C-alpha cells in the first residue's frame, strides 16, 4: 500500500503521487507520515520536506517555506507558502 501525497503552493499543484513515506518539517518538530497515519493538521517551519518513493530508497528533498500539512484518510497534503526551485 502507498501514501497518497500532494504538494501544493498558491500558484499550483506541484506534485501528486503515491509514495512510501514523507518527513515534514513541522513547527513543533519534524514528523514522518506513512500510509494509514492518524489524521491531524500541523503548521510548517522552513526546512526540508523529504520524500521516499519506496522503502529503503533514496530520498528526494524539497525545501519548503511555511504553510500547513494535513493528514487524513485520503493521504498527506502539504500546503506550502513557497518551495525552492
C-alpha atoms as a PDB file:
ATOM      1  CA  UNK A   1       0.000   0.000   0.000  1.00  0.00           C
ATOM      2  CA  UNK A   2       1.118   3.563  -0.615  1.00  0.00           C
ATOM      3  CA  UNK A   3       0.596   7.008   0.845  1.00  0.00           C
ATOM      4  CA  UNK A   4      -1.175   9.481  -1.447  1.00  0.00           C
ATOM      5  CA  UNK A   5       0.960  12.646  -1.301  1.00  0.00           C
ATOM      6  CA  UNK A   6       0.213  16.105  -2.691  1.00  0.00           C
ATOM      7  CA  UNK A   7       2.402  19.205  -2.533  1.00  0.00           C
ATOM      8  CA  UNK A   8       0.538  22.425  -3.284  1.00  0.00           C
ATOM      9  CA  UNK A   9       1.673  26.070  -3.488  1.00  0.00           C
ATOM     10  CA  UNK A  10      -0.509  29.146  -4.010  1.00  0.00           C
ATOM     11  CA  UNK A  11       0.434  29.004  -7.702  1.00  0.00           C
ATOM     12  CA  UNK A  12      -0.306  25.341  -8.484  1.00  0.00           C
ATOM     13  CA  UNK A  13      -0.276  21.657  -7.644  1.00  0.00           C
ATOM     14  CA  UNK A  14       3.456  20.891  -7.604  1.00  0.00           C
ATOM     15  CA  UNK A  15       3.292  17.134  -7.076  1.00  0.00           C
ATOM     16  CA  UNK A  16       0.731  14.390  -6.720  1.00  0.00           C
ATOM     17  CA  UNK A  17       1.973  10.830  -6.345  1.00  0.00           C
ATOM     18  CA  UNK A  18       1.884   7.644  -4.329  1.00  0.00           C
ATOM     19  CA  UNK A  19       4.918   7.356  -2.041  1.00  0.00           C
ATOM     20  CA  UNK A  20       6.170   5.201   0.803  1.00  0.00           C
ATOM     21  CA  UNK A  21       6.850   7.936   3.411  1.00  0.00           C
ATOM     22  CA  UNK A  22       7.250  11.710   3.772  1.00  0.00           C
ATOM     23  CA  UNK A  23       9.126  13.525   6.555  1.00  0.00           C
ATOM     24  CA  UNK A  24       7.710  17.005   7.126  1.00  0.00           C
ATOM     25  CA  UNK A  25       9.360  19.992   8.890  1.00  0.00           C
ATOM     26  CA  UNK A  26       6.639  20.776  11.423  1.00  0.00           C
ATOM     27  CA  UNK A  27       6.766  23.945  13.504  1.00  0.00           C
ATOM     28  CA  UNK A  28       6.918  21.781  16.646  1.00  0.00           C
ATOM     29  CA  UNK A  29       9.385  19.287  15.173  1.00  0.00           C
ATOM     30  CA  UNK A  30       9.809  17.008  12.195  1.00  0.00           C
ATOM     31  CA  UNK A  31       7.294  14.205  11.707  1.00  0.00           C
ATOM     32  CA  UNK A  32       7.034  11.301   9.286  1.00  0.00           C
ATOM     33  CA  UNK A  33       3.860  10.058   7.654  1.00  0.00           C
ATOM     34  CA  UNK A  34       3.199   6.560   6.329  1.00  0.00           C
ATOM     35  CA  UNK A  35       0.019   5.196   4.744  1.00  0.00           C
ATOM     36  CA  UNK A  36      -2.691   4.759   7.399  1.00  0.00           C
ATOM     37  CA  UNK A  37      -1.380   7.519   9.715  1.00  0.00           C
ATOM     38  CA  UNK A  38      -3.873   9.025  12.171  1.00  0.00           C
ATOM     39  CA  UNK A  39      -5.494  12.266  10.952  1.00  0.00           C
ATOM     40  CA  UNK A  40      -4.097  15.606  12.132  1.00  0.00           C
ATOM     41  CA  UNK A  41      -3.040  19.079  10.975  1.00  0.00           C
ATOM     42  CA  UNK A  42       0.228  20.928  11.625  1.00  0.00           C
ATOM     43  CA  UNK A  43       1.908  24.186  10.706  1.00  0.00           C
ATOM     44  CA  UNK A  44       5.242  24.067   8.888  1.00  0.00           C
ATOM     45  CA  UNK A  45       8.538  25.769   9.519  1.00  0.00           C
ATOM     46  CA  UNK A  46      11.070  26.457   6.797  1.00  0.00           C
ATOM     47  CA  UNK A  47      13.035  23.300   6.084  1.00  0.00           C
ATOM     48  CA  UNK A  48      13.433  20.141   4.031  1.00  0.00           C
ATOM     49  CA  UNK A  49      10.471  18.006   3.009  1.00  0.00           C
ATOM     50  CA  UNK A  50      11.902  14.513   2.488  1.00  0.00           C
ATOM     51  CA  UNK A  51      10.046  12.130   0.175  1.00  0.00           C
ATOM     52  CA  UNK A  52      10.716   8.386  -0.023  1.00  0.00           C
ATOM     53  CA  UNK A  53       9.180   6.761  -3.117  1.00  0.00           C
ATOM     54  CA  UNK A  54       9.811   3.276  -1.745  1.00  0.00           C
ATOM     55  CA  UNK A  55      11.051   1.663   1.455  1.00  0.00           C
ATOM     56  CA  UNK A  56      14.843   1.778   1.593  1.00  0.00           C
ATOM     57  CA  UNK A  57      15.022   4.023  -1.481  1.00  0.00           C
ATOM     58  CA  UNK A  58      16.990   7.224  -1.914  1.00  0.00           C
ATOM     59  CA  UNK A  59      15.022  10.231  -0.658  1.00  0.00           C
ATOM     60  CA  UNK A  60      14.110  13.325  -2.646  1.00  0.00           C
ATOM     61  CA  UNK A  61      14.338  16.610  -0.731  1.00  0.00           C
ATOM     62  CA  UNK A  62      12.333  19.767  -1.444  1.00  0.00           C
ATOM     63  CA  UNK A  63      12.860  22.925   0.623  1.00  0.00           C
ATOM     64  CA  UNK A  64       9.556  24.392   1.808  1.00  0.00           C
ATOM     65  CA  UNK A  65       8.870  27.756   3.413  1.00  0.00           C
ATOM     66  CA  UNK A  66       5.900  27.976   5.750  1.00  0.00           C
ATOM     67  CA  UNK A  67       2.440  26.548   5.306  1.00  0.00           C
ATOM     68  CA  UNK A  68       0.365  23.671   6.637  1.00  0.00           C
ATOM     69  CA  UNK A  69       0.205  19.893   6.437  1.00  0.00           C
ATOM     70  CA  UNK A  70      -2.958  17.820   6.674  1.00  0.00           C
ATOM     71  CA  UNK A  71      -3.098  14.073   7.134  1.00  0.00           C
ATOM     72  CA  UNK A  72      -6.478  12.419   6.600  1.00  0.00           C
ATOM     73  CA  UNK A  73      -7.931   9.183   5.268  1.00  0.00           C
ATOM     74  CA  UNK A  74      -7.083  10.317   1.707  1.00  0.00           C
ATOM     75  CA  UNK A  75      -3.367  10.818   2.483  1.00  0.00           C
ATOM     76  CA  UNK A  76      -0.983  13.737   3.120  1.00  0.00           C
ATOM     77  CA  UNK A  77      -1.419  17.210   1.661  1.00  0.00           C
ATOM     78  CA  UNK A  78       1.294  19.821   2.191  1.00  0.00           C
ATOM     79  CA  UNK A  79       0.177  23.400   1.504  1.00  0.00           C
ATOM     80  CA  UNK A  80       3.460  25.287   1.265  1.00  0.00           C
ATOM     81  CA  UNK A  81       3.699  29.065   1.031  1.00  0.00           C
ATOM     82  CA  UNK A  82       6.771  28.685  -1.185  1.00  0.00           C
ATOM     83  CA  UNK A  83       9.147  25.950  -2.384  1.00  0.00           C
ATOM     84  CA  UNK A  84      12.734  26.312  -3.571  1.00  0.00           C
ATOM     85  CA  UNK A  85      13.058  25.581  -7.261  1.00  0.00           C
END
